[in-house]
Amino acid sequence: MTAPNHLPPIPETPLQFPCIFPLKVMGKATNDFEAFVVAVVAKHAPNSARSVLTRPSRGGKYLSVTVTFVAESKTQLDAIYAELNARQGVLMAL
């Protein structure tokens, strides 16, 4: 069954760009984890002001880094997620 032609297309994402986007990345607490996350966001969103919040796990083994920035497109976000998830030690990116 096909959808009638008068229905609007279903968007790929509910986000409307540009938007302020909080990206949360969790991984092993290494000396360079926070810098890596910030560098990836800066590479893909070079003209966006960023705020960074870092929080260690209770035992200190893991680190959560939240970078809030202005996202310009779904393609941009996809590239950021792909680069973050390609690194060993990144457990999750939300």
PDB file of N, CA and C in Angstrom:
ATOM      1  N   MET A   1       0.836  -1.172   0.000  1.00  0.00           N
ATOM      2  CA  MET A   1       0.000   0.000   0.000  1.00  0.00           C
ATOM      3  C   MET A   1       0.885   1.240   0.000  1.00  0.00           C
ATOM      4  N   THR A   2       0.616   2.207  -0.844  1.00  0.00           N
ATOM      5  CA  THR A   2       1.405   3.425  -0.922  1.00  0.00           C
ATOM      6  C   THR A   2       0.638   4.562  -0.266  1.00  0.00           C
ATOM      7  N   ALA A   3       1.388   5.528   0.226  1.00  0.00           N
ATOM      8  CA  ALA A   3       0.785   6.686   0.879  1.00  0.00           C
ATOM      9  C   ALA A   3       0.206   7.622  -0.168  1.00  0.00           C
ATOM     10  N   PRO A   4      -0.918   8.257   0.135  1.00  0.00           N
ATOM     11  CA  PRO A   4      -1.481   9.231  -0.802  1.00  0.00           C
ATOM     12  C   PRO A   4      -0.502  10.376  -1.039  1.00  0.00           C
ATOM     13  N   ASN A   5      -0.548  10.957  -2.225  1.00  0.00           N
ATOM     14  CA  ASN A   5       0.382  12.025  -2.597  1.00  0.00           C
ATOM     15  C   ASN A   5       0.165  13.320  -1.829  1.00  0.00           C
ATOM     16  N   HIS A   6      -0.970  13.504  -1.208  1.00  0.00           N
ATOM     17  CA  HIS A   6      -1.238  14.764  -0.528  1.00  0.00           C
ATOM     18  C   HIS A   6      -0.673  14.830   0.890  1.00  0.00           C
ATOM     19  N   LEU A   7      -0.085  13.740   1.389  1.00  0.00           N
ATOM     20  CA  LEU A   7       0.513  13.749   2.716  1.00  0.00           C
ATOM     21  C   LEU A   7       1.906  14.373   2.652  1.00  0.00           C
ATOM     22  N   PRO A   8       2.274  15.153   3.691  1.00  0.00           N
ATOM     23  CA  PRO A   8       3.626  15.734   3.696  1.00  0.00           C
ATOM     24  C   PRO A   8       4.666  14.636   3.889  1.00  0.00           C
ATOM     25  N   PRO A   9       5.884  14.838   3.378  1.00  0.00           N
ATOM     26  CA  PRO A   9       6.929  13.830   3.560  1.00  0.00           C
ATOM     27  C   PRO A   9       7.302  13.714   5.038  1.00  0.00           C
ATOM     28  N   ILE A  10       7.701  12.531   5.434  1.00  0.00           N
ATOM     29  CA  ILE A  10       8.133  12.302   6.812  1.00  0.00           C
ATOM     30  C   ILE A  10       9.577  12.788   6.929  1.00  0.00           C
ATOM     31  N   PRO A  11       9.844  13.697   7.862  1.00  0.00           N
ATOM     32  CA  PRO A  11      11.222  14.206   7.993  1.00  0.00           C
ATOM     33  C   PRO A  11      12.147  13.123   8.533  1.00  0.00           C
ATOM     34  N   GLU A  12      13.425  13.228   8.192  1.00  0.00           N
ATOM     35  CA  GLU A  12      14.420  12.272   8.677  1.00  0.00           C
ATOM     36  C   GLU A  12      14.663  12.447  10.169  1.00  0.00           C
ATOM     37  N   THR A  13      14.477  13.638  10.668  1.00  0.00           N
ATOM     38  CA  THR A  13      14.744  13.949  12.062  1.00  0.00           C
ATOM     39  C   THR A  13      13.724  14.976  12.541  1.00  0.00           C
ATOM     40  N   PRO A  14      13.339  14.906  13.797  1.00  0.00           N
ATOM     41  CA  PRO A  14      12.419  15.914  14.318  1.00  0.00           C
ATOM     42  C   PRO A  14      13.111  17.250  14.617  1.00  0.00           C
ATOM     43  N   LEU A  15      14.424  17.278  14.543  1.00  0.00           N
ATOM     44  CA  LEU A  15      15.164  18.514  14.815  1.00  0.00           C
ATOM     45  C   LEU A  15      14.975  19.509  13.680  1.00  0.00           C
ATOM     46  N   GLN A  16      14.935  20.777  14.046  1.00  0.00           N
ATOM     47  CA  GLN A  16      14.919  21.840  13.045  1.00  0.00           C
ATOM     48  C   GLN A  16      16.239  22.586  13.161  1.00  0.00           C
ATOM     49  N   PHE A  17      16.932  22.704  12.059  1.00  0.00           N
ATOM     50  CA  PHE A  17      18.279  23.287  12.061  1.00  0.00           C
ATOM     51  C   PHE A  17      18.245  24.713  11.577  1.00  0.00           C
ATOM     52  N   PRO A  18      19.161  25.542  12.084  1.00  0.00           N
ATOM     53  CA  PRO A  18      20.126  25.281  13.146  1.00  0.00           C
ATOM     54  C   PRO A  18      19.428  25.190  14.502  1.00  0.00           C
ATOM     55  N   CYS A  19      20.070  24.450  15.419  1.00  0.00           N
ATOM     56  CA  CYS A  19      19.524  24.308  16.770  1.00  0.00           C
ATOM     57  C   CYS A  19      20.664  24.125  17.767  1.00  0.00           C
ATOM     58  N   ILE A  20      20.369  24.484  19.001  1.00  0.00           N
ATOM     59  CA  ILE A  20      21.338  24.254  20.073  1.00  0.00           C
ATOM     60  C   ILE A  20      21.242  22.777  20.427  1.00  0.00           C
ATOM     61  N   PHE A  21      22.386  22.093  20.391  1.00  0.00           N
ATOM     62  CA  PHE A  21      22.402  20.644  20.524  1.00  0.00           C
ATOM     63  C   PHE A  21      23.360  20.213  21.626  1.00  0.00           C
ATOM     64  N   PRO A  22      22.860  19.567  22.675  1.00  0.00           N
ATOM     65  CA  PRO A  22      23.750  19.018  23.704  1.00  0.00           C
ATOM     66  C   PRO A  22      24.162  17.593  23.326  1.00  0.00           C
ATOM     67  N   LEU A  23      25.414  17.399  23.064  1.00  0.00           N
ATOM     68  CA  LEU A  23      25.961  16.092  22.690  1.00  0.00           C
ATOM     69  C   LEU A  23      26.650  15.500  23.910  1.00  0.00           C
ATOM     70  N   LYS A  24      26.210  14.330  24.345  1.00  0.00           N
ATOM     71  CA  LYS A  24      26.798  13.692  25.513  1.00  0.00           C
ATOM     72  C   LYS A  24      27.565  12.457  25.064  1.00  0.00           C
ATOM     73  N   VAL A  25      28.822  12.388  25.461  1.00  0.00           N
ATOM     74  CA  VAL A  25      29.696  11.279  25.083  1.00  0.00           C
ATOM     75  C   VAL A  25      30.254  10.656  26.358  1.00  0.00           C
ATOM     76  N   MET A  26      30.134   9.333  26.466  1.00  0.00           N
ATOM     77  CA  MET A  26      30.653   8.626  27.628  1.00  0.00           C
ATOM     78  C   MET A  26      31.737   7.664  27.183  1.00  0.00           C
ATOM     79  N   GLY A  27      32.785   7.609  27.987  1.00  0.00           N
ATOM     80  CA  GLY A  27      33.879   6.718  27.637  1.00  0.00           C
ATOM     81  C   GLY A  27      34.816   6.498  28.803  1.00  0.00           C
ATOM     82  N   LYS A  28      35.877   5.771  28.527  1.00  0.00           N
ATOM     83  CA  LYS A  28      36.891   5.508  29.554  1.00  0.00           C
ATOM     84  C   LYS A  28      37.617   6.806  29.884  1.00  0.00           C
ATOM     85  N   ALA A  29      37.862   7.013  31.144  1.00  0.00           N
ATOM     86  CA  ALA A  29      38.494   8.242  31.615  1.00  0.00           C
ATOM     87  C   ALA A  29      39.994   8.195  31.352  1.00  0.00           C
ATOM     88  N   THR A  30      40.377   8.640  30.158  1.00  0.00           N
ATOM     89  CA  THR A  30      41.793   8.753  29.825  1.00  0.00           C
ATOM     90  C   THR A  30      42.177  10.232  29.888  1.00  0.00           C
ATOM     91  N   ASN A  31      43.464  10.501  29.851  1.00  0.00           N
ATOM     92  CA  ASN A  31      43.929  11.882  29.945  1.00  0.00           C
ATOM     93  C   ASN A  31      43.448  12.767  28.806  1.00  0.00           C
ATOM     94  N   ASP A  32      43.190  12.172  27.639  1.00  0.00           N
ATOM     95  CA  ASP A  32      42.842  12.982  26.473  1.00  0.00           C
ATOM     96  C   ASP A  32      41.388  12.847  26.030  1.00  0.00           C
ATOM     97  N   PHE A  33      40.539  12.167  26.808  1.00  0.00           N
ATOM     98  CA  PHE A  33      39.168  11.915  26.364  1.00  0.00           C
ATOM     99  C   PHE A  33      38.379  13.213  26.159  1.00  0.00           C
ATOM    100  N   GLU A  34      38.403  14.088  27.130  1.00  0.00           N
ATOM    101  CA  GLU A  34      37.671  15.358  26.990  1.00  0.00           C
ATOM    102  C   GLU A  34      38.183  16.163  25.801  1.00  0.00           C
ATOM    103  N   ALA A  35      39.485  16.272  25.661  1.00  0.00           N
ATOM    104  CA  ALA A  35      40.078  17.027  24.550  1.00  0.00           C
ATOM    105  C   ALA A  35      39.691  16.420  23.206  1.00  0.00           C
ATOM    106  N   PHE A  36      39.648  15.088  23.128  1.00  0.00           N
ATOM    107  CA  PHE A  36      39.254  14.421  21.894  1.00  0.00           C
ATOM    108  C   PHE A  36      37.822  14.784  21.521  1.00  0.00           C
ATOM    109  N   VAL A  37      36.899  14.685  22.466  1.00  0.00           N
ATOM    110  CA  VAL A  37      35.488  14.990  22.195  1.00  0.00           C
ATOM    111  C   VAL A  37      35.337  16.436  21.733  1.00  0.00           C
ATOM    112  N   VAL A  38      35.957  17.360  22.434  1.00  0.00           N
ATOM    113  CA  VAL A  38      35.871  18.779  22.076  1.00  0.00           C
ATOM    114  C   VAL A  38      36.480  19.022  20.697  1.00  0.00           C
ATOM    115  N   ALA A  39      37.585  18.366  20.392  1.00  0.00           N
ATOM    116  CA  ALA A  39      38.240  18.540  19.090  1.00  0.00           C
ATOM    117  C   ALA A  39      37.369  18.032  17.945  1.00  0.00           C
ATOM    118  N   VAL A  40      36.675  16.922  18.147  1.00  0.00           N
ATOM    119  CA  VAL A  40      35.800  16.392  17.099  1.00  0.00           C
ATOM    120  C   VAL A  40      34.662  17.378  16.830  1.00  0.00           C
ATOM    121  N   VAL A  41      34.049  17.894  17.877  1.00  0.00           N
ATOM    122  CA  VAL A  41      32.963  18.865  17.687  1.00  0.00           C
ATOM    123  C   VAL A  41      33.505  20.117  17.008  1.00  0.00           C
ATOM    124  N   ALA A  42      34.658  20.607  17.431  1.00  0.00           N
ATOM    125  CA  ALA A  42      35.244  21.811  16.835  1.00  0.00           C
ATOM    126  C   ALA A  42      35.578  21.603  15.358  1.00  0.00           C
ATOM    127  N   LYS A  43      35.998  20.405  15.005  1.00  0.00           N
ATOM    128  CA  LYS A  43      36.319  20.093  13.610  1.00  0.00           C
ATOM    129  C   LYS A  43      35.076  20.189  12.722  1.00  0.00           C
ATOM    130  N   HIS A  44      33.958  19.686  13.211  1.00  0.00           N
ATOM    131  CA  HIS A  44      32.743  19.640  12.406  1.00  0.00           C
ATOM    132  C   HIS A  44      31.844  20.863  12.580  1.00  0.00           C
ATOM    133  N   ALA A  45      32.057  21.625  13.637  1.00  0.00           N
ATOM    134  CA  ALA A  45      31.273  22.846  13.893  1.00  0.00           C
ATOM    135  C   ALA A  45      32.233  23.963  14.291  1.00  0.00           C
ATOM    136  N   PRO A  46      33.124  24.354  13.363  1.00  0.00           N
ATOM    137  CA  PRO A  46      34.199  25.285  13.723  1.00  0.00           C
ATOM    138  C   PRO A  46      33.727  26.685  14.101  1.00  0.00           C
ATOM    139  N   ASN A  47      32.589  27.111  13.608  1.00  0.00           N
ATOM    140  CA  ASN A  47      32.134  28.470  13.880  1.00  0.00           C
ATOM    141  C   ASN A  47      31.118  28.544  15.007  1.00  0.00           C
ATOM    142  N   SER A  48      30.937  27.456  15.709  1.00  0.00           N
ATOM    143  CA  SER A  48      29.942  27.393  16.772  1.00  0.00           C
ATOM    144  C   SER A  48      30.596  27.570  18.133  1.00  0.00           C
ATOM    145  N   ALA A  49      30.012  28.449  18.943  1.00  0.00           N
ATOM    146  CA  ALA A  49      30.471  28.573  20.329  1.00  0.00           C
ATOM    147  C   ALA A  49      30.085  27.285  21.051  1.00  0.00           C
ATOM    148  N   ARG A  50      30.914  26.841  21.956  1.00  0.00           N
ATOM    149  CA  ARG A  50      30.673  25.586  22.651  1.00  0.00           C
ATOM    150  C   ARG A  50      30.762  25.778  24.160  1.00  0.00           C
ATOM    151  N   SER A  51      29.944  25.024  24.870  1.00  0.00           N
ATOM    152  CA  SER A  51      30.132  24.913  26.312  1.00  0.00           C
ATOM    153  C   SER A  51      30.409  23.442  26.589  1.00  0.00           C
ATOM    154  N   VAL A  52      31.228  23.191  27.594  1.00  0.00           N
ATOM    155  CA  VAL A  52      31.649  21.828  27.893  1.00  0.00           C
ATOM    156  C   VAL A  52      31.424  21.561  29.371  1.00  0.00           C
ATOM    157  N   LEU A  53      30.787  20.431  29.653  1.00  0.00           N
ATOM    158  CA  LEU A  53      30.569  19.978  31.021  1.00  0.00           C
ATOM    159  C   LEU A  53      31.124  18.572  31.128  1.00  0.00           C
ATOM    160  N   THR A  54      32.031  18.352  32.055  1.00  0.00           N
ATOM    161  CA  THR A  54      32.657  17.048  32.228  1.00  0.00           C
ATOM    162  C   THR A  54      32.320  16.514  33.610  1.00  0.00           C
ATOM    163  N   ARG A  55      31.984  15.224  33.623  1.00  0.00           N
ATOM    164  CA  ARG A  55      31.616  14.614  34.901  1.00  0.00           C
ATOM    165  C   ARG A  55      32.189  13.196  34.965  1.00  0.00           C
ATOM    166  N   PRO A  56      33.027  12.925  35.982  1.00  0.00           N
ATOM    167  CA  PRO A  56      33.563  11.568  36.131  1.00  0.00           C
ATOM    168  C   PRO A  56      32.525  10.644  36.776  1.00  0.00           C
ATOM    169  N   SER A  57      32.666   9.346  36.532  1.00  0.00           N
ATOM    170  CA  SER A  57      31.814   8.375  37.204  1.00  0.00           C
ATOM    171  C   SER A  57      32.210   8.320  38.678  1.00  0.00           C
ATOM    172  N   ARG A  58      31.367   7.697  39.452  1.00  0.00           N
ATOM    173  CA  ARG A  58      31.614   7.609  40.901  1.00  0.00           C
ATOM    174  C   ARG A  58      32.975   6.992  41.199  1.00  0.00           C
ATOM    175  N   GLY A  59      33.349   5.961  40.475  1.00  0.00           N
ATOM    176  CA  GLY A  59      34.631   5.303  40.711  1.00  0.00           C
ATOM    177  C   GLY A  59      35.795   5.912  39.941  1.00  0.00           C
ATOM    178  N   GLY A  60      35.492   6.875  39.046  1.00  0.00           N
ATOM    179  CA  GLY A  60      36.535   7.544  38.291  1.00  0.00           C
ATOM    180  C   GLY A  60      37.028   6.785  37.073  1.00  0.00           C
ATOM    181  N   LYS A  61      36.418   5.648  36.770  1.00  0.00           N
ATOM    182  CA  LYS A  61      36.866   4.849  35.626  1.00  0.00           C
ATOM    183  C   LYS A  61      36.333   5.397  34.298  1.00  0.00           C
ATOM    184  N   TYR A  62      35.195   6.070  34.352  1.00  0.00           N
ATOM    185  CA  TYR A  62      34.541   6.585  33.142  1.00  0.00           C
ATOM    186  C   TYR A  62      34.349   8.089  33.246  1.00  0.00           C
ATOM    187  N   LEU A  63      34.155   8.700  32.086  1.00  0.00           N
ATOM    188  CA  LEU A  63      33.983  10.137  32.017  1.00  0.00           C
ATOM    189  C   LEU A  63      32.824  10.448  31.073  1.00  0.00           C
ATOM    190  N   SER A  64      32.002  11.396  31.467  1.00  0.00           N
ATOM    191  CA  SER A  64      30.920  11.881  30.622  1.00  0.00           C
ATOM    192  C   SER A  64      31.267  13.311  30.217  1.00  0.00           C
ATOM    193  N   VAL A  65      31.245  13.572  28.929  1.00  0.00           N
ATOM    194  CA  VAL A  65      31.540  14.909  28.413  1.00  0.00           C
ATOM    195  C   VAL A  65      30.324  15.376  27.615  1.00  0.00           C
ATOM    196  N   THR A  66      29.738  16.485  28.028  1.00  0.00           N
ATOM    197  CA  THR A  66      28.625  17.066  27.297  1.00  0.00           C
ATOM    198  C   THR A  66      29.100  18.352  26.647  1.00  0.00           C
ATOM    199  N   VAL A  67      29.006  18.392  25.320  1.00  0.00           N
ATOM    200  CA  VAL A  67      29.382  19.579  24.561  1.00  0.00           C
ATOM    201  C   VAL A  67      28.097  20.132  23.944  1.00  0.00           C
ATOM    202  N   THR A  68      27.769  21.366  24.279  1.00  0.00           N
ATOM    203  CA  THR A  68      26.587  22.006  23.717  1.00  0.00           C
ATOM    204  C   THR A  68      27.052  23.003  22.663  1.00  0.00           C
ATOM    205  N   PHE A  69      26.480  22.892  21.461  1.00  0.00           N
ATOM    206  CA  PHE A  69      26.902  23.735  20.343  1.00  0.00           C
ATOM    207  C   PHE A  69      25.722  23.942  19.410  1.00  0.00           C
ATOM    208  N   VAL A  70      25.902  24.767  18.390  1.00  0.00           N
ATOM    209  CA  VAL A  70      24.863  24.988  17.399  1.00  0.00           C
ATOM    210  C   VAL A  70      25.059  23.992  16.267  1.00  0.00           C
ATOM    211  N   ALA A  71      24.099  23.080  16.124  1.00  0.00           N
ATOM    212  CA  ALA A  71      24.145  22.091  15.043  1.00  0.00           C
ATOM    213  C   ALA A  71      23.474  22.694  13.819  1.00  0.00           C
ATOM    214  N   GLU A  72      24.107  22.518  12.667  1.00  0.00           N
ATOM    215  CA  GLU A  72      23.612  23.108  11.417  1.00  0.00           C
ATOM    216  C   GLU A  72      22.817  22.138  10.551  1.00  0.00           C
ATOM    217  N   SER A  73      23.058  20.817  10.697  1.00  0.00           N
ATOM    218  CA  SER A  73      22.366  19.851   9.828  1.00  0.00           C
ATOM    219  C   SER A  73      22.482  18.446  10.395  1.00  0.00           C
ATOM    220  N   LYS A  74      21.636  17.568   9.897  1.00  0.00           N
ATOM    221  CA  LYS A  74      21.699  16.163  10.266  1.00  0.00           C
ATOM    222  C   LYS A  74      22.990  15.542   9.748  1.00  0.00           C
ATOM    223  N   THR A  75      23.418  15.956   8.577  1.00  0.00           N
ATOM    224  CA  THR A  75      24.672  15.450   8.005  1.00  0.00           C
ATOM    225  C   THR A  75      25.842  15.777   8.926  1.00  0.00           C
ATOM    226  N   GLN A  76      25.863  16.982   9.457  1.00  0.00           N
ATOM    227  CA  GLN A  76      26.914  17.392  10.396  1.00  0.00           C
ATOM    228  C   GLN A  76      26.892  16.501  11.643  1.00  0.00           C
ATOM    229  N   LEU A  77      25.711  16.285  12.213  1.00  0.00           N
ATOM    230  CA  LEU A  77      25.602  15.446  13.403  1.00  0.00           C
ATOM    231  C   LEU A  77      26.015  14.008  13.103  1.00  0.00           C
ATOM    232  N   ASP A  78      25.620  13.489  11.956  1.00  0.00           N
ATOM    233  CA  ASP A  78      26.002  12.130  11.574  1.00  0.00           C
ATOM    234  C   ASP A  78      27.520  11.989  11.498  1.00  0.00           C
ATOM    235  N   ALA A  79      28.190  12.992  10.951  1.00  0.00           N
ATOM    236  CA  ALA A  79      29.652  12.957  10.839  1.00  0.00           C
ATOM    237  C   ALA A  79      30.316  12.990  12.212  1.00  0.00           C
ATOM    238  N   ILE A  80      29.773  13.800  13.119  1.00  0.00           N
ATOM    239  CA  ILE A  80      30.315  13.873  14.484  1.00  0.00           C
ATOM    240  C   ILE A  80      30.153  12.526  15.180  1.00  0.00           C
ATOM    241  N   TYR A  81      28.937  11.958  15.125  1.00  0.00           N
ATOM    242  CA  TYR A  81      28.695  10.662  15.759  1.00  0.00           C
ATOM    243  C   TYR A  81      29.588   9.573  15.174  1.00  0.00           C
ATOM    244  N   ALA A  82      29.761   9.564  13.865  1.00  0.00           N
ATOM    245  CA  ALA A  82      30.597   8.542  13.216  1.00  0.00           C
ATOM    246  C   ALA A  82      32.036   8.632  13.703  1.00  0.00           C
ATOM    247  N   GLU A  83      32.573   9.837  13.760  1.00  0.00           N
ATOM    248  CA  GLU A  83      33.964   9.993  14.201  1.00  0.00           C
ATOM    249  C   GLU A  83      34.135   9.632  15.672  1.00  0.00           C
ATOM    250  N   LEU A  84      33.189  10.038  16.506  1.00  0.00           N
ATOM    251  CA  LEU A  84      33.274   9.708  17.926  1.00  0.00           C
ATOM    252  C   LEU A  84      33.198   8.200  18.147  1.00  0.00           C
ATOM    253  N   ASN A  85      32.245   7.550  17.493  1.00  0.00           N
ATOM    254  CA  ASN A  85      32.036   6.113  17.698  1.00  0.00           C
ATOM    255  C   ASN A  85      33.129   5.252  17.081  1.00  0.00           C
ATOM    256  N   ALA A  86      33.944   5.819  16.211  1.00  0.00           N
ATOM    257  CA  ALA A  86      35.038   5.073  15.604  1.00  0.00           C
ATOM    258  C   ALA A  86      36.221   4.912  16.561  1.00  0.00           C
ATOM    259  N   ARG A  87      36.244   5.718  17.609  1.00  0.00           N
ATOM    260  CA  ARG A  87      37.376   5.666  18.543  1.00  0.00           C
ATOM    261  C   ARG A  87      37.147   4.617  19.617  1.00  0.00           C
ATOM    262  N   GLN A  88      38.155   3.812  19.824  1.00  0.00           N
ATOM    263  CA  GLN A  88      38.113   2.821  20.891  1.00  0.00           C
ATOM    264  C   GLN A  88      38.093   3.574  22.221  1.00  0.00           C
ATOM    265  N   GLY A  89      37.278   3.153  23.124  1.00  0.00           N
ATOM    266  CA  GLY A  89      37.174   3.825  24.423  1.00  0.00           C
ATOM    267  C   GLY A  89      35.916   4.651  24.545  1.00  0.00           C
ATOM    268  N   VAL A  90      35.302   5.002  23.409  1.00  0.00           N
ATOM    269  CA  VAL A  90      34.009   5.701  23.450  1.00  0.00           C
ATOM    270  C   VAL A  90      32.954   4.622  23.643  1.00  0.00           C
ATOM    271  N   LEU A  91      32.208   4.720  24.734  1.00  0.00           N
ATOM    272  CA  LEU A  91      31.193   3.719  25.029  1.00  0.00           C
ATOM    273  C   LEU A  91      29.837   4.085  24.453  1.00  0.00           C
ATOM    274  N   MET A  92      29.526   5.389  24.440  1.00  0.00           N
ATOM    275  CA  MET A  92      28.215   5.811  23.985  1.00  0.00           C
ATOM    276  C   MET A  92      28.248   7.295  23.646  1.00  0.00           C
ATOM    277  N   ALA A  93      27.531   7.662  22.585  1.00  0.00           N
ATOM    278  CA  ALA A  93      27.358   9.062  22.222  1.00  0.00           C
ATOM    279  C   ALA A  93      25.863   9.290  22.040  1.00  0.00           C
ATOM    280  N   LEU A  94      25.326  10.236  22.765  1.00  0.00           N
ATOM    281  CA  LEU A  94      23.891  10.537  22.718  1.00  0.00           C
ATOM    282  C   LEU A  94      23.667  11.953  22.246  1.00  0.00           C
TER     283      LEU A  94
END
